[in-house]
Amino acid sequence: MRSRPYETERDLRQMQALLMAARSRRDDRYYPHAGQLTWDFFMVACHLDPRDHFRLWHDAEGGLAGYAVLGEDPSFDCQVSPDHEWCGIESEALAWAAARLAELRGRDAQRWRRDLVSGSWQNDAKRRGFLEEHGFRRGEHAEVHLLRPLDEPLPSSPPPPGHRVRPVARAGETADRAAVQREVWQPWPVGMVSDDDYAYLMRLPGYRRDLDLVAVTPDGVIAAYVNGWIDPLNRIGALGPVGARPAYRRQGLARAALLECLRRMQARGVDRVCVSTGASNTPALRLYQSIGFMVAGRQLEYVKPATRERPPDNAR
């Protein structure tokens, strides 16, 4: 088994393929959706260098066995194929992340001062145990994952009169699309997206303009939006991010965009769709459940205090 830094977009495609192939051998509560990886990669590419923050592991035949990412929160994630789970990649990945984080803190202690955050499905005792053995403890946050089948009719929820839901325009609307992302999400990193950043997202493998839907007011303002993603191998869709500008909330615009995205996925052969939100985000949970999503599981936050974050011996 050998590891190396991320190099080119071909590596992103390999990571997406690993997640899709792995999901086909497990249930929907084990591996993240390939669309989530695409968005996470985009977030790293916006603010960091993927070559320094993604690492890939290959087996003896050259196939991708797993990958790890050190995000800017700082956050750690590692995904390993079913054939190579718990054979050492997870420990190597965490050692790499710890060494990389120590280096970053040495360069810019203020930017990287926060605790290292990771996560685990609530029912994944092995991953939770692995994190606890390496100094992580349960955090306060949890993500609720919801799932909706598409084998039944979707409710009708047209936007208010004069409004419409459509894909983001191919040209000339990138700046407006980036602006609504910023307005909805800043000061969190997910909102720190420039116009050029969003244009880059639109070129990434896995991005679909036909599922980047915006709810537009009669005077042309993008009021709400949803990004949709499809895993064609497993016929499962994913939603996110989802948002509405503060001035346009509680008007049914995000709901209309969500349902249009579900209809488009249904027409493309998707048979179920997943979405996640914070366990304390009651308005989002109510919205998703009102259009047929049901709770499928929870992902728990695990935190390693910065004072404990030292590179393991095998990373020095």
Protein backbone atom coordinates (compact mmCIF):
# COMPACT_ATOMS: atom_id res chain seq x y z
CA MET A 1 0.00 0.00 0.00
CA ARG A 2 1.41 3.39 -0.96
CA SER A 3 0.14 6.91 -0.38
CA ARG A 4 0.62 10.17 -2.23
CA PRO A 5 -0.77 13.71 -2.35
CA TYR A 6 -3.69 14.69 -4.53
CA GLU A 7 -2.50 15.63 -8.00
CA THR A 8 -5.13 16.23 -10.69
CA GLU A 9 -8.85 16.15 -11.37
CA ARG A 10 -8.44 12.49 -12.27
CA ASP A 11 -7.93 11.86 -8.56
CA LEU A 12 -11.25 13.52 -7.75
CA ARG A 13 -12.96 11.23 -10.24
CA GLN A 14 -11.27 8.23 -8.61
CA MET A 15 -12.46 9.30 -5.17
CA GLN A 16 -16.01 9.76 -6.46
CA ALA A 17 -15.86 6.29 -8.06
CA LEU A 18 -14.59 4.75 -4.80
CA LEU A 19 -17.56 6.17 -2.87
CA MET A 20 -20.07 4.98 -5.46
CA ALA A 21 -18.60 1.49 -5.65
CA ALA A 22 -18.38 1.23 -1.87
CA ARG A 23 -21.99 2.37 -1.40
CA SER A 24 -23.13 -0.33 -3.81
CA ARG A 25 -21.82 -2.88 -1.28
CA ARG A 26 -23.21 -1.21 1.85
CA ASP A 27 -26.38 0.59 2.90
CA ASP A 28 -26.99 4.31 2.54
CA ARG A 29 -25.74 5.10 6.05
CA TYR A 30 -22.09 4.21 5.71
CA TYR A 31 -20.33 6.11 2.92
CA PRO A 32 -20.96 9.76 2.02
CA HIS A 33 -22.63 10.61 -1.26
CA ALA A 34 -20.23 11.34 -4.10
CA GLY A 35 -21.87 14.75 -4.41
CA GLN A 36 -20.92 15.55 -0.84
CA LEU A 37 -17.32 14.75 -1.71
CA THR A 38 -17.52 17.09 -4.71
CA TRP A 39 -18.78 19.94 -2.53
CA ASP A 40 -16.19 19.22 0.19
CA PHE A 41 -13.45 19.20 -2.43
CA PHE A 42 -14.74 22.50 -3.75
CA MET A 43 -14.59 24.02 -0.26
CA VAL A 44 -10.95 22.96 0.08
CA ALA A 45 -10.13 24.24 -3.40
CA CYS A 46 -11.71 27.63 -2.58
CA HIS A 47 -9.57 28.32 0.46
CA LEU A 48 -6.65 25.84 0.45
CA ASP A 49 -4.58 23.75 -1.95
CA PRO A 50 -6.04 20.25 -2.51
CA ARG A 51 -2.52 18.94 -3.14
CA ASP A 52 -1.69 19.71 0.49
CA HIS A 53 -5.02 18.70 2.04
CA PHE A 54 -6.02 15.46 0.28
CA ARG A 55 -4.03 12.24 0.40
CA LEU A 56 -4.72 9.03 -1.53
CA TRP A 57 -3.80 5.39 -0.79
CA HIS A 58 -3.34 2.82 -3.58
CA ASP A 59 -3.21 -0.96 -3.37
CA ALA A 60 -0.59 -3.17 -5.02
CA GLU A 61 -2.52 -3.18 -8.30
CA GLY A 62 -2.70 0.60 -8.36
CA GLY A 63 -6.39 0.85 -7.51
CA LEU A 64 -7.59 3.54 -5.12
CA ALA A 65 -8.01 1.99 -1.67
CA GLY A 66 -8.86 5.11 0.32
CA TYR A 67 -8.38 8.81 0.79
CA ALA A 68 -8.20 11.37 3.57
CA VAL A 69 -8.86 15.09 3.77
CA LEU A 70 -7.77 17.74 6.24
CA GLY A 71 -10.23 20.61 5.97
CA GLU A 72 -9.93 24.13 7.24
CA ASP A 73 -12.13 23.93 10.35
CA PRO A 74 -9.79 22.01 10.96
CA SER A 75 -11.64 18.81 10.13
CA PHE A 76 -10.54 15.27 9.35
CA ASP A 77 -12.26 12.63 7.24
CA CYS A 78 -11.08 9.33 5.83
CA GLN A 79 -12.93 6.95 3.52
CA VAL A 80 -11.61 3.46 2.75
CA SER A 81 -12.99 0.87 0.35
CA PRO A 82 -14.68 -2.20 1.89
CA ASP A 83 -11.78 -4.41 0.74
CA HIS A 84 -9.21 -2.39 2.69
CA GLU A 85 -11.05 -1.22 5.80
CA TRP A 86 -9.19 -1.34 9.10
CA CYS A 87 -6.01 -2.68 7.55
CA GLY A 88 -3.95 0.35 8.49
CA ILE A 89 -5.05 3.13 6.14
CA GLU A 90 -7.21 4.81 8.79
CA SER A 91 -4.29 5.05 11.23
CA GLU A 92 -1.91 6.27 8.53
CA ALA A 93 -4.46 8.85 7.42
CA LEU A 94 -4.92 10.24 10.92
CA ALA A 95 -1.15 10.33 11.43
CA TRP A 96 -0.79 12.26 8.16
CA ALA A 97 -3.52 14.71 9.19
CA ALA A 98 -1.96 15.25 12.62
CA ALA A 99 1.48 15.91 11.14
CA ARG A 100 0.05 18.24 8.51
CA LEU A 101 -1.97 20.13 11.12
CA ALA A 102 1.07 20.52 13.38
CA GLU A 103 2.96 22.00 10.43
CA LEU A 104 0.12 24.41 9.65
CA ARG A 105 -0.15 25.51 13.27
CA GLY A 106 3.58 26.17 13.26
CA ARG A 107 3.11 28.53 10.31
CA ASP A 108 -0.15 30.21 11.35
CA ALA A 109 -1.24 29.35 14.89
CA GLN A 110 -4.18 31.78 14.81
CA ARG A 111 -5.80 30.37 11.67
CA TRP A 112 -5.44 26.74 12.78
CA ARG A 113 -6.03 27.23 16.51
CA ARG A 114 -9.36 25.41 16.75
CA ASP A 115 -9.86 21.81 17.86
CA LEU A 116 -9.67 19.06 15.24
CA VAL A 117 -13.15 17.84 14.33
CA SER A 118 -14.22 14.52 12.80
CA GLY A 119 -17.41 12.48 12.72
CA SER A 120 -18.95 9.04 12.83
CA TRP A 121 -22.32 7.50 12.18
CA GLN A 122 -24.06 6.88 15.47
CA ASN A 123 -24.27 3.14 14.79
CA ASP A 124 -20.65 2.77 13.63
CA ALA A 125 -19.08 1.47 16.84
CA LYS A 126 -15.76 0.67 15.17
CA ARG A 127 -15.20 4.19 13.84
CA ARG A 128 -16.33 5.77 17.09
CA GLY A 129 -13.93 3.53 18.98
CA PHE A 130 -11.09 4.40 16.60
CA LEU A 131 -11.61 8.12 17.14
CA GLU A 132 -11.85 7.74 20.91
CA GLU A 133 -8.66 5.68 20.99
CA HIS A 134 -6.90 8.57 19.26
CA GLY A 135 -8.00 11.27 21.68
CA PHE A 136 -11.31 12.40 20.20
CA ARG A 137 -14.34 12.94 22.42
CA ARG A 138 -18.00 13.45 21.60
CA GLY A 139 -18.76 17.02 20.57
CA GLU A 140 -21.98 18.94 20.93
CA HIS A 141 -23.01 18.91 17.27
CA ALA A 142 -24.82 16.18 15.35
CA GLU A 143 -26.07 15.94 11.78
CA VAL A 144 -29.42 14.34 11.01
CA HIS A 145 -29.49 12.40 7.74
CA LEU A 146 -32.83 12.04 6.00
CA LEU A 147 -33.90 9.85 3.09
CA ARG A 148 -36.85 10.03 0.71
CA PRO A 149 -37.94 7.40 -1.82
CA LEU A 150 -38.99 8.64 -5.24
CA ASP A 151 -41.25 5.72 -6.10
CA GLU A 152 -44.38 7.66 -5.17
CA PRO A 153 -45.93 10.92 -6.37
CA LEU A 154 -44.37 14.18 -5.23
CA PRO A 155 -46.50 16.88 -3.61
CA SER A 156 -47.32 19.93 -5.68
CA SER A 157 -45.86 23.19 -4.40
CA PRO A 158 -45.57 25.84 -7.09
CA PRO A 159 -43.71 29.03 -6.24
CA PRO A 160 -45.69 32.20 -5.48
CA PRO A 161 -47.26 33.96 -8.49
CA GLY A 162 -44.67 35.61 -10.71
CA HIS A 163 -41.80 33.54 -9.30
CA ARG A 164 -40.22 30.61 -11.10
CA VAL A 165 -37.76 27.82 -10.43
CA ARG A 166 -35.15 27.07 -13.08
CA PRO A 167 -31.51 26.03 -13.49
CA VAL A 168 -28.89 28.69 -13.00
CA ALA A 169 -28.19 30.40 -16.31
CA ARG A 170 -25.27 29.02 -18.31
CA ALA A 171 -23.65 32.42 -18.71
CA GLY A 172 -24.04 35.77 -17.02
CA GLU A 173 -25.52 34.50 -13.75
CA THR A 174 -22.48 33.04 -12.04
CA ALA A 175 -21.85 36.21 -10.04
CA ASP A 176 -25.46 36.33 -8.82
CA ARG A 177 -25.33 32.64 -7.89
CA ALA A 178 -22.13 33.16 -5.90
CA ALA A 179 -23.62 36.25 -4.23
CA VAL A 180 -26.62 34.36 -2.85
CA GLN A 181 -24.29 31.64 -1.54
CA ARG A 182 -22.35 34.32 0.34
CA GLU A 183 -25.42 36.07 1.70
CA VAL A 184 -26.99 32.88 3.01
CA TRP A 185 -23.92 31.35 4.61
CA GLN A 186 -21.34 33.95 5.64
CA PRO A 187 -19.47 34.15 7.98
CA TRP A 188 -19.12 30.34 7.79
CA PRO A 189 -16.58 28.98 5.30
CA VAL A 190 -19.36 27.57 3.10
CA GLY A 191 -20.29 31.18 2.36
CA MET A 192 -16.79 32.35 1.50
CA VAL A 193 -17.15 31.78 -2.24
CA SER A 194 -16.02 34.26 -4.88
CA ASP A 195 -17.52 34.60 -8.35
CA ASP A 196 -14.49 32.82 -9.81
CA ASP A 197 -14.81 30.08 -7.19
CA TYR A 198 -18.36 29.34 -8.24
CA ALA A 199 -17.37 29.27 -11.89
CA TYR A 200 -14.77 26.65 -10.91
CA LEU A 201 -17.43 24.53 -9.15
CA MET A 202 -19.46 24.53 -12.34
CA ARG A 203 -16.54 22.89 -14.17
CA LEU A 204 -15.95 20.11 -11.64
CA PRO A 205 -16.90 16.50 -12.44
CA GLY A 206 -20.18 15.68 -10.77
CA TYR A 207 -21.62 19.20 -10.94
CA ARG A 208 -24.90 19.38 -12.86
CA ARG A 209 -26.26 22.72 -13.97
CA ASP A 210 -29.68 21.16 -14.51
CA LEU A 211 -29.78 20.41 -10.77
CA ASP A 212 -28.33 23.75 -9.63
CA LEU A 213 -31.79 25.25 -9.25
CA VAL A 214 -32.71 28.80 -8.30
CA ALA A 215 -36.05 30.33 -7.29
CA VAL A 216 -36.24 33.72 -8.99
CA THR A 217 -38.51 36.66 -8.11
CA PRO A 218 -40.51 38.57 -10.74
CA ASP A 219 -37.77 41.22 -10.83
CA GLY A 220 -35.02 38.63 -11.40
CA VAL A 221 -33.56 38.27 -7.89
CA ILE A 222 -32.30 34.81 -6.95
CA ALA A 223 -34.20 34.30 -3.70
CA ALA A 224 -33.50 30.64 -2.91
CA TYR A 225 -31.53 27.74 -4.34
CA VAL A 226 -30.65 24.07 -4.07
CA ASN A 227 -27.69 22.09 -5.40
CA GLY A 228 -28.59 18.58 -6.48
CA TRP A 229 -26.20 15.67 -7.10
CA ILE A 230 -26.65 12.20 -8.58
CA ASP A 231 -24.80 8.95 -7.95
CA PRO A 232 -25.74 7.10 -11.17
CA LEU A 233 -24.39 3.73 -10.05
CA ASN A 234 -26.65 3.53 -7.00
CA ARG A 235 -29.44 5.73 -8.40
CA ILE A 236 -29.37 7.93 -5.32
CA GLY A 237 -29.55 11.70 -5.32
CA ALA A 238 -28.35 14.18 -2.73
CA LEU A 239 -29.34 17.74 -1.90
CA GLY A 240 -27.14 20.50 -0.57
CA PRO A 241 -26.38 23.16 0.07
CA VAL A 242 -29.92 24.51 0.29
CA GLY A 243 -30.67 28.11 1.20
CA ALA A 244 -32.84 31.19 0.92
CA ARG A 245 -31.93 34.82 1.31
CA PRO A 246 -33.16 36.17 4.68
CA ALA A 247 -35.61 38.58 3.04
CA TYR A 248 -37.28 35.73 1.13
CA ARG A 249 -37.61 33.04 3.77
CA ARG A 250 -40.92 31.42 4.77
CA GLN A 251 -42.42 32.16 1.36
CA GLY A 252 -42.28 28.61 -0.01
CA LEU A 253 -39.39 29.34 -2.37
CA ALA A 254 -36.87 26.85 -0.97
CA ARG A 255 -39.65 24.24 -0.83
CA ALA A 256 -40.53 24.87 -4.49
CA ALA A 257 -36.85 24.56 -5.50
CA LEU A 258 -36.46 21.33 -3.52
CA LEU A 259 -39.51 19.71 -5.09
CA GLU A 260 -38.46 20.72 -8.59
CA CYS A 261 -35.05 19.16 -7.92
CA LEU A 262 -36.74 15.94 -6.75
CA ARG A 263 -38.92 15.88 -9.86
CA ARG A 264 -35.88 16.27 -12.10
CA MET A 265 -34.05 13.48 -10.28
CA GLN A 266 -37.10 11.24 -10.51
CA ALA A 267 -37.22 11.84 -14.27
CA ARG A 268 -33.56 10.79 -14.51
CA GLY A 269 -34.13 7.41 -12.87
CA VAL A 270 -33.10 8.26 -9.31
CA ASP A 271 -35.05 6.13 -6.83
CA ARG A 272 -34.16 7.84 -3.52
CA VAL A 273 -32.63 11.09 -2.31
CA CYS A 274 -30.70 12.00 0.84
CA VAL A 275 -30.15 15.29 2.64
CA SER A 276 -28.64 16.28 5.97
CA THR A 277 -28.89 19.17 8.40
CA GLY A 278 -27.93 20.01 11.95
CA ALA A 279 -29.93 18.22 14.63
CA SER A 280 -30.83 21.61 16.14
CA ASN A 281 -31.98 23.10 12.81
CA THR A 282 -35.68 22.66 13.46
CA PRO A 283 -36.93 24.79 10.52
CA ALA A 284 -34.88 22.74 8.02
CA LEU A 285 -35.97 19.45 9.56
CA ARG A 286 -39.61 20.48 9.34
CA LEU A 287 -39.19 21.55 5.73
CA TYR A 288 -37.57 18.27 4.67
CA GLN A 289 -40.07 16.14 6.56
CA SER A 290 -42.97 18.13 5.06
CA ILE A 291 -41.95 16.93 1.59
CA GLY A 292 -41.57 13.29 2.54
CA PHE A 293 -38.06 12.89 3.98
CA MET A 294 -37.66 10.54 6.93
CA VAL A 295 -34.83 10.39 9.45
CA ALA A 296 -32.36 7.66 8.45
CA GLY A 297 -29.55 8.19 10.94
CA ARG A 298 -27.29 10.61 12.78
CA GLN A 299 -23.67 11.51 12.36
CA LEU A 300 -22.01 12.45 15.62
CA GLU A 301 -19.32 15.08 15.98
CA TYR A 302 -16.02 14.04 17.55
CA VAL A 303 -13.52 16.64 18.76
CA LYS A 304 -9.82 16.40 19.59
CA PRO A 305 -8.63 19.39 21.66
CA ALA A 306 -5.81 21.36 20.09
CA THR A 307 -3.61 20.85 23.15
CA ARG A 308 -3.64 17.11 22.48
CA GLU A 309 -2.97 17.38 18.79
CA ARG A 310 0.57 16.06 18.29
CA PRO A 311 1.79 13.97 15.38
CA PRO A 312 1.90 10.25 16.23
CA ASP A 313 5.35 8.63 16.26
CA ASN A 314 4.81 7.01 12.87
CA ALA A 315 4.17 10.44 11.30
CA ARG A 316 7.48 12.00 12.39
